[in-house]
Structure formats: C-alpha cells, structure tokens
Protein backbone atom coordinates (compact mmCIF):
# COMPACT_ATOMS: atom_id res chain seq x y z
CA MET A 1 -9.55 2.64 -18.92
CA ASN A 2 -12.84 4.23 -19.55
CA PRO A 3 -15.14 5.78 -16.94
CA LEU A 4 -17.74 3.08 -15.76
CA ILE A 5 -21.08 5.37 -15.62
CA ILE A 6 -24.11 3.60 -14.95
CA GLU A 7 -27.55 5.63 -14.31
CA ALA A 8 -29.97 5.17 -11.01
CA HIS A 9 -33.11 3.51 -12.77
CA GLU A 10 -36.26 4.28 -10.81
CA ASN A 11 -35.39 4.02 -7.46
CA ILE A 12 -34.80 0.25 -8.25
CA THR A 13 -30.92 0.20 -9.22
CA PRO A 14 -28.28 2.54 -7.65
CA ALA A 15 -25.94 5.34 -9.35
CA VAL A 16 -22.24 4.14 -10.28
CA THR A 17 -19.66 6.34 -11.00
CA PHE A 18 -15.97 4.93 -11.46
CA ASP A 19 -13.66 7.23 -12.75
CA ILE A 20 -9.51 6.42 -12.37
CA GLU A 21 -8.72 9.58 -14.15
CA LYS A 22 -10.77 11.83 -11.25
CA GLY A 23 -10.38 9.35 -8.72
CA ILE A 24 -14.14 8.58 -8.62
CA PHE A 25 -15.47 5.71 -7.21
CA GLU A 26 -18.85 5.84 -5.83
CA ILE A 27 -22.51 3.95 -5.81
CA SER A 28 -25.46 6.32 -5.08
CA GLY A 29 -28.78 5.44 -4.00
CA TRP A 30 -31.71 2.48 -4.31
CA SER A 31 -30.68 -1.05 -5.18
CA HIS A 32 -32.80 -3.63 -4.88
CA PRO A 33 -33.08 -5.14 -8.64
CA GLU A 34 -34.67 -8.39 -9.37
CA ASP A 35 -31.40 -9.92 -10.10
CA ALA A 36 -28.56 -8.39 -8.38
CA MET A 37 -26.22 -10.44 -9.53
CA HIS A 38 -26.82 -9.40 -13.30
CA PHE A 39 -27.10 -5.65 -12.23
CA TYR A 40 -23.51 -6.28 -10.24
CA ALA A 41 -21.74 -8.27 -13.25
CA PRO A 42 -20.40 -5.18 -15.06
CA ILE A 43 -19.02 -3.51 -12.00
CA PHE A 44 -16.94 -6.64 -10.79
CA GLU A 45 -15.33 -6.94 -14.49
CA TRP A 46 -14.75 -3.09 -14.41
CA MET A 47 -12.96 -3.36 -11.12
CA ASN A 48 -10.93 -6.07 -11.69
CA LYS A 49 -9.54 -4.70 -14.40
CA TYR A 50 -9.18 -1.40 -11.86
CA ALA A 51 -7.61 -3.65 -8.97
CA GLU A 52 -4.66 -5.29 -11.76
CA THR A 53 -3.06 -1.45 -10.95
CA PRO A 54 -5.20 0.93 -8.99
CA ASN A 55 -4.17 4.16 -8.12
CA ALA A 56 -1.98 4.94 -5.36
CA GLU A 57 -5.23 5.94 -3.77
CA THR A 58 -8.48 4.39 -3.75
CA VAL A 59 -11.43 6.29 -1.78
CA PHE A 60 -14.30 4.78 -2.72
CA HIS A 61 -17.55 6.28 -1.57
CA PHE A 62 -21.12 4.63 -0.57
CA ARG A 63 -24.13 6.57 -0.35
CA PHE A 64 -27.15 4.03 -0.49
CA GLN A 65 -30.63 5.06 0.61
CA TYR A 66 -31.86 1.49 0.49
CA PHE A 67 -30.53 -2.06 -0.54
CA ASN A 68 -32.41 -5.58 -0.37
CA THR A 69 -30.07 -8.33 1.14
CA SER A 70 -29.24 -9.75 -2.44
CA SER A 71 -27.63 -6.33 -3.27
CA SER A 72 -26.36 -6.87 0.03
CA LYS A 73 -24.00 -9.67 -0.50
CA GLN A 74 -22.85 -7.72 -4.20
CA VAL A 75 -21.49 -4.95 -1.48
CA PHE A 76 -19.75 -7.76 0.92
CA ARG A 77 -18.00 -8.83 -2.46
CA LEU A 78 -16.85 -5.55 -3.82
CA ILE A 79 -15.19 -4.49 -0.18
CA SER A 80 -14.13 -8.15 -0.77
CA LEU A 81 -12.25 -6.77 -3.66
CA LEU A 82 -11.64 -3.56 -2.17
CA GLU A 83 -9.80 -5.53 0.30
CA GLU A 84 -7.34 -7.30 -2.39
CA ILE A 85 -6.49 -3.66 -4.27
CA ALA A 86 -5.24 -2.36 -0.53
CA LYS A 87 -2.93 -4.62 -1.16
CA LYS A 88 -1.60 -2.13 -3.80
CA SER A 89 -3.40 1.17 -3.09
CA SER A 90 -4.36 2.79 -0.20
CA THR A 91 -7.87 2.06 -0.15
CA LYS A 92 -10.50 3.70 2.45
CA ILE A 93 -14.27 3.37 2.40
CA LYS A 94 -16.25 6.34 3.18
CA TRP A 95 -20.20 5.19 4.51
CA HIS A 96 -22.96 8.22 3.51
CA TYR A 97 -26.14 7.66 5.72
CA ASP A 98 -28.76 9.98 6.65
CA GLN A 99 -28.51 11.10 10.03
CA GLU A 100 -31.88 9.72 11.03
CA ASP A 101 -31.39 6.28 9.12
CA THR A 102 -29.98 3.62 12.21
CA ASP A 103 -30.45 0.86 9.93
CA MET A 104 -28.02 1.94 6.79
CA LEU A 105 -25.23 3.04 9.41
CA ALA A 106 -26.16 -0.52 11.18
CA SER A 107 -25.47 -1.56 7.75
CA GLY A 108 -21.79 -0.08 7.95
CA GLU A 109 -20.87 -0.86 10.84
CA ARG A 110 -20.86 -4.69 10.40
CA TYR A 111 -19.21 -4.35 7.17
CA LEU A 112 -16.53 -2.12 8.88
CA LYS A 113 -16.66 -5.88 11.24
CA MET A 114 -16.27 -8.09 8.24
CA SER A 115 -13.60 -5.97 6.38
CA THR A 116 -9.68 -4.83 7.23
CA LEU A 117 -10.20 -2.22 5.84
CA PRO A 118 -10.61 1.42 7.07
CA PHE A 119 -14.03 3.05 7.15
CA GLU A 120 -15.37 6.63 7.47
CA PHE A 121 -19.08 7.14 8.03
CA ILE A 122 -20.60 10.42 7.10
CA PRO A 123 -23.94 11.47 7.89
CA HIS A 124 -26.31 13.86 6.71
CA SER A 125 -29.66 15.34 7.27
CA VAL A 126 -31.75 14.90 3.74
C-alpha cells in the first residue's frame, strides 16, 4: 500500500503522513476546511484499506494546533475506525498538544472518555 502524504495548506488543512512500512500515522497542524468531510474522505479511504491488514502495532499521532467542530467530528470517526483496527493490531493514540493549550488537552481527554483505546498525552512547548 502506498503512503498517503497530504501537505498542510495555509493553516486551513493539516499535514497527513501515513506510511505502513515506516509505521508512521500522523495528522498535524490546523484543521478547519470549509468541507471537512471532503478533506477527510481520502484519509478514510486509505485507513479503511489499512484496516483490512494492519501492522502488528499502530501508533497514531495527533498533533493538532487547532481544529473546528466539523473537523472534530472527523477526528472522532477516525478514532472509531482505530478502535476497529485495534481488533487486529496493538493500537494506541499519542495526543500531542502545546502545554499552554488547555483546550487541545481537554479535546484529547474527551476523545479518551469516548474511546476504548489507550491514549498518551504528550505536552510540548512552542
């Protein structure tokens, strides 16, 4: 399966790097596209294919600086898909956030409460 690489676009859409061979699964940056479902469609297409035969371990990194409500719904859908992948793969989420951004930490904590997956919260300073 070919890697999925999407470059970030002007603090509107996030960077996406999914590479099975390197074990990289990461979304980072700003996510507030006008049509989040449209932007995230190729991400779900790729992840659904990956879910058929995932790696033995899947560590998914979220490194958002900001996301809007419609992106938040897509993130929840993605976490739900990761729960399905966890039936075949040791799966965990690493939620990176600016240590001063309590809203981003709180968002990750809300997803943790709605999920069965293990989360690791990783603060960083800008």
